[in-house]
């Protein structure tokens, strides 16, 4: 039986990435709060070249 979490880089970016957060007021608030707290990583990030390539 397959386990529920089958990680995909592109899917993760589309759900939790910067551009997705910028879409809604709530997402923008999250980014603002993370900036205020001094987080080095605001959102999930994957280098562009690695997104469409299998590891």
Protein backbone atom coordinates (compact mmCIF):
# COMPACT_ATOMS: atom_id res chain seq x y z
CA UNK A 1 0.00 0.00 0.00
CA UNK A 2 1.28 3.45 -0.93
CA UNK A 3 1.77 5.95 1.84
CA UNK A 4 -0.12 9.26 1.59
CA UNK A 5 2.86 11.60 1.19
CA UNK A 6 4.43 11.25 -2.25
CA UNK A 7 6.67 14.34 -2.46
CA UNK A 8 6.81 16.36 -5.66
CA UNK A 9 8.86 19.54 -5.81
CA UNK A 10 6.61 21.40 -8.22
CA UNK A 11 3.45 20.53 -6.30
CA UNK A 12 5.06 21.71 -3.04
CA UNK A 13 6.05 25.01 -4.62
CA UNK A 14 2.61 25.59 -6.04
CA UNK A 15 0.95 24.97 -2.69
CA UNK A 16 3.41 26.62 -0.32
CA UNK A 17 5.59 28.86 -2.47
CA UNK A 18 6.10 32.61 -2.42
CA UNK A 19 3.80 33.40 -5.32
CA UNK A 20 0.98 31.39 -3.77
CA UNK A 21 1.40 33.31 -0.50
CA UNK A 22 1.33 36.63 -2.33
CA UNK A 23 -2.10 35.83 -3.79
CA UNK A 24 -4.15 36.22 -0.64
CA UNK A 25 -4.20 38.82 2.13
CA UNK A 26 -3.64 36.07 4.69
CA UNK A 27 -0.60 34.79 2.84
CA UNK A 28 0.84 38.29 2.65
CA UNK A 29 0.33 38.62 6.41
CA UNK A 30 2.27 35.40 6.92
CA UNK A 31 5.17 36.76 4.86
CA UNK A 32 5.05 40.06 6.74
CA UNK A 33 5.14 38.25 10.09
CA UNK A 34 8.05 36.06 9.00
CA UNK A 35 9.98 39.12 7.80
CA UNK A 36 9.31 40.90 11.10
CA UNK A 37 10.57 37.89 13.02
CA UNK A 38 13.73 37.81 10.91
CA UNK A 39 13.27 34.46 9.22
CA UNK A 40 15.90 33.76 6.60
CA UNK A 41 13.48 31.54 4.65
CA UNK A 42 10.11 33.15 4.09
CA UNK A 43 8.59 30.27 2.18
CA UNK A 44 9.41 26.89 0.77
CA UNK A 45 12.03 27.37 -1.91
CA UNK A 46 13.55 25.09 -4.49
CA UNK A 47 16.18 26.23 -6.96
CA UNK A 48 14.61 26.80 -10.37
CA UNK A 49 16.82 24.29 -12.19
CA UNK A 50 15.90 21.52 -9.76
CA UNK A 51 12.12 21.90 -9.94
CA UNK A 52 11.52 19.98 -13.14
CA UNK A 53 14.41 17.54 -12.80
CA UNK A 54 14.39 14.22 -11.00
CA UNK A 55 17.08 13.90 -8.30
